[in-house]
């Protein structure tokens, strides 16, 4: 698996497709990134499979 991967995902606020660069070397992680279109904060949850062959990304609206 590459160290950095680009994922095209849908913003949970505006529904637009956004591009995220994912750092796959850090293992499973959660962080906040602003949408490139509507500038709203998005909670990014990244899970790396145990065999490090694949990953899963979940985007949610950040809770206040």
N, C-alpha and C. Protein backbone atom coordinates (compact mmCIF):
# COMPACT_ATOMS: atom_id res chain seq x y z
N UNK A 1 0.85 -1.18 0.00
CA UNK A 1 0.00 0.00 0.00
C UNK A 1 0.90 1.24 0.00
N UNK A 2 0.45 2.26 -0.73
CA UNK A 2 1.19 3.51 -0.81
C UNK A 2 1.16 4.25 0.53
N UNK A 3 2.11 5.15 0.75
CA UNK A 3 2.14 5.94 1.98
C UNK A 3 1.08 7.03 1.96
N UNK A 4 0.84 7.62 0.78
CA UNK A 4 -0.17 8.67 0.61
C UNK A 4 -1.10 8.23 -0.51
N UNK A 5 -2.41 8.38 -0.30
CA UNK A 5 -3.38 8.04 -1.32
C UNK A 5 -4.39 9.17 -1.44
N UNK A 6 -4.82 9.46 -2.64
CA UNK A 6 -5.85 10.47 -2.86
C UNK A 6 -7.20 9.77 -2.95
N UNK A 7 -8.17 10.26 -2.18
CA UNK A 7 -9.51 9.70 -2.20
C UNK A 7 -10.49 10.79 -2.60
N UNK A 8 -11.40 10.46 -3.52
CA UNK A 8 -12.47 11.37 -3.90
C UNK A 8 -13.72 10.94 -3.13
N UNK A 9 -14.17 11.81 -2.24
CA UNK A 9 -15.27 11.49 -1.34
C UNK A 9 -16.32 12.60 -1.36
N UNK A 10 -17.46 12.34 -0.76
CA UNK A 10 -18.55 13.31 -0.75
C UNK A 10 -18.62 14.02 0.59
N UNK A 11 -18.67 15.36 0.56
CA UNK A 11 -18.79 16.15 1.78
C UNK A 11 -20.13 15.87 2.45
N UNK A 12 -20.13 15.61 3.75
CA UNK A 12 -21.39 15.35 4.46
C UNK A 12 -22.23 16.62 4.67
N UNK A 13 -21.68 17.79 4.38
CA UNK A 13 -22.41 19.05 4.53
C UNK A 13 -23.08 19.46 3.22
N UNK A 14 -22.28 19.63 2.16
CA UNK A 14 -22.79 20.18 0.90
C UNK A 14 -23.02 19.12 -0.17
N UNK A 15 -22.48 17.91 0.03
CA UNK A 15 -22.68 16.84 -0.94
C UNK A 15 -21.75 16.87 -2.13
N UNK A 16 -20.88 17.86 -2.20
CA UNK A 16 -19.94 17.95 -3.33
C UNK A 16 -18.80 16.94 -3.17
N UNK A 17 -18.25 16.52 -4.29
CA UNK A 17 -17.10 15.63 -4.28
C UNK A 17 -15.86 16.43 -3.93
N UNK A 18 -15.10 15.93 -2.95
CA UNK A 18 -13.87 16.60 -2.53
C UNK A 18 -12.72 15.59 -2.60
N UNK A 19 -11.52 16.11 -2.70
CA UNK A 19 -10.32 15.29 -2.76
C UNK A 19 -9.59 15.37 -1.42
N UNK A 20 -9.31 14.22 -0.83
CA UNK A 20 -8.54 14.18 0.41
C UNK A 20 -7.27 13.38 0.18
N UNK A 21 -6.15 13.90 0.66
CA UNK A 21 -4.90 13.14 0.66
C UNK A 21 -4.81 12.42 2.00
N UNK A 22 -4.76 11.11 1.95
CA UNK A 22 -4.75 10.29 3.17
C UNK A 22 -3.35 9.78 3.44
N UNK A 23 -2.85 10.02 4.65
CA UNK A 23 -1.55 9.51 5.08
C UNK A 23 -1.78 8.12 5.67
N UNK A 24 -1.42 7.10 4.92
CA UNK A 24 -1.67 5.72 5.34
C UNK A 24 -0.58 5.16 6.23
N UNK A 25 0.46 5.95 6.51
CA UNK A 25 1.55 5.47 7.37
C UNK A 25 1.24 5.65 8.84
N UNK A 26 0.22 6.45 9.18
CA UNK A 26 -0.09 6.75 10.57
C UNK A 26 -1.04 5.76 11.23
N UNK A 27 -1.46 4.73 10.50
CA UNK A 27 -2.40 3.77 11.05
C UNK A 27 -3.78 4.37 11.17
N UNK A 28 -4.63 3.72 11.95
CA UNK A 28 -5.99 4.19 12.16
C UNK A 28 -5.96 5.56 12.84
N UNK A 29 -6.77 6.49 12.34
CA UNK A 29 -6.72 7.86 12.86
C UNK A 29 -8.04 8.59 12.63
N UNK A 30 -8.24 9.64 13.40
CA UNK A 30 -9.38 10.54 13.26
C UNK A 30 -8.84 11.97 13.31
N UNK A 31 -9.34 12.81 12.43
CA UNK A 31 -8.92 14.21 12.42
C UNK A 31 -9.99 15.04 11.73
N UNK A 32 -9.88 16.36 11.85
CA UNK A 32 -10.84 17.28 11.25
C UNK A 32 -10.18 17.98 10.08
N UNK A 33 -10.91 18.04 8.97
CA UNK A 33 -10.44 18.75 7.78
C UNK A 33 -11.61 19.55 7.22
N UNK A 34 -11.34 20.76 6.77
CA UNK A 34 -12.41 21.59 6.21
C UNK A 34 -12.70 21.20 4.77
N UNK A 35 -13.99 21.25 4.40
CA UNK A 35 -14.41 20.98 3.03
C UNK A 35 -13.81 22.06 2.11
N UNK A 36 -13.31 21.64 0.96
CA UNK A 36 -12.72 22.55 0.00
C UNK A 36 -13.77 23.41 -0.71
N UNK A 37 -15.05 23.00 -0.63
CA UNK A 37 -16.12 23.71 -1.32
C UNK A 37 -16.87 24.64 -0.36
N UNK A 38 -17.41 24.07 0.74
CA UNK A 38 -18.26 24.86 1.65
C UNK A 38 -17.54 25.31 2.92
N UNK A 39 -16.30 24.87 3.13
CA UNK A 39 -15.46 25.26 4.27
C UNK A 39 -15.97 24.78 5.63
N UNK A 40 -16.94 23.88 5.66
CA UNK A 40 -17.43 23.33 6.93
C UNK A 40 -16.46 22.26 7.42
N UNK A 41 -16.35 22.10 8.75
CA UNK A 41 -15.44 21.08 9.29
C UNK A 41 -16.00 19.67 9.13
N UNK A 42 -15.14 18.76 8.69
CA UNK A 42 -15.51 17.36 8.47
C UNK A 42 -14.65 16.49 9.37
N UNK A 43 -15.30 15.58 10.11
CA UNK A 43 -14.57 14.60 10.91
C UNK A 43 -14.22 13.43 10.00
N UNK A 44 -12.93 13.21 9.81
CA UNK A 44 -12.43 12.14 8.95
C UNK A 44 -11.99 10.99 9.86
N UNK A 45 -12.58 9.81 9.66
CA UNK A 45 -12.17 8.60 10.37
C UNK A 45 -11.55 7.67 9.34
N UNK A 46 -10.31 7.29 9.57
CA UNK A 46 -9.56 6.42 8.66
C UNK A 46 -9.17 5.16 9.40
N UNK A 47 -9.58 4.02 8.87
CA UNK A 47 -9.22 2.72 9.44
C UNK A 47 -8.34 1.98 8.46
N UNK A 48 -7.21 1.49 8.95
CA UNK A 48 -6.30 0.69 8.14
C UNK A 48 -6.53 -0.78 8.52
N UNK A 49 -6.76 -1.63 7.51
CA UNK A 49 -6.94 -3.06 7.78
C UNK A 49 -5.70 -3.64 8.44
N UNK A 50 -5.89 -4.68 9.24
CA UNK A 50 -4.80 -5.30 10.00
C UNK A 50 -3.66 -5.77 9.09
N UNK A 51 -4.00 -6.24 7.89
CA UNK A 51 -2.96 -6.71 6.98
C UNK A 51 -2.37 -5.57 6.14
N UNK A 52 -2.85 -4.35 6.38
CA UNK A 52 -2.38 -3.13 5.72
C UNK A 52 -2.50 -3.20 4.20
N UNK A 53 -3.46 -3.98 3.72
CA UNK A 53 -3.70 -4.10 2.28
C UNK A 53 -4.76 -3.11 1.81
N UNK A 54 -5.62 -2.65 2.71
CA UNK A 54 -6.73 -1.80 2.33
C UNK A 54 -7.07 -0.86 3.49
N UNK A 55 -7.93 0.12 3.21
CA UNK A 55 -8.37 1.06 4.24
C UNK A 55 -9.82 1.45 3.99
N UNK A 56 -10.44 2.05 5.00
CA UNK A 56 -11.82 2.53 4.92
C UNK A 56 -11.84 3.95 5.48
N UNK A 57 -12.59 4.83 4.80
CA UNK A 57 -12.71 6.22 5.24
C UNK A 57 -14.17 6.54 5.47
N UNK A 58 -14.46 7.21 6.57
CA UNK A 58 -15.82 7.64 6.90
C UNK A 58 -15.77 9.14 7.18
N UNK A 59 -16.64 9.89 6.50
CA UNK A 59 -16.73 11.34 6.72
C UNK A 59 -18.03 11.68 7.40
N UNK A 60 -17.96 12.49 8.44
CA UNK A 60 -19.15 12.91 9.17
C UNK A 60 -19.07 14.40 9.49
N UNK A 61 -20.23 14.98 9.73
CA UNK A 61 -20.25 16.37 10.20
C UNK A 61 -19.62 16.40 11.58
N UNK A 62 -18.80 17.40 11.84
CA UNK A 62 -18.18 17.52 13.15
C UNK A 62 -19.25 17.93 14.16
N UNK A 63 -19.26 17.29 15.31
CA UNK A 63 -20.20 17.62 16.38
C UNK A 63 -19.73 18.86 17.11
N UNK A 64 -20.65 19.75 17.45
CA UNK A 64 -20.30 20.97 18.19
C UNK A 64 -20.04 20.67 19.64
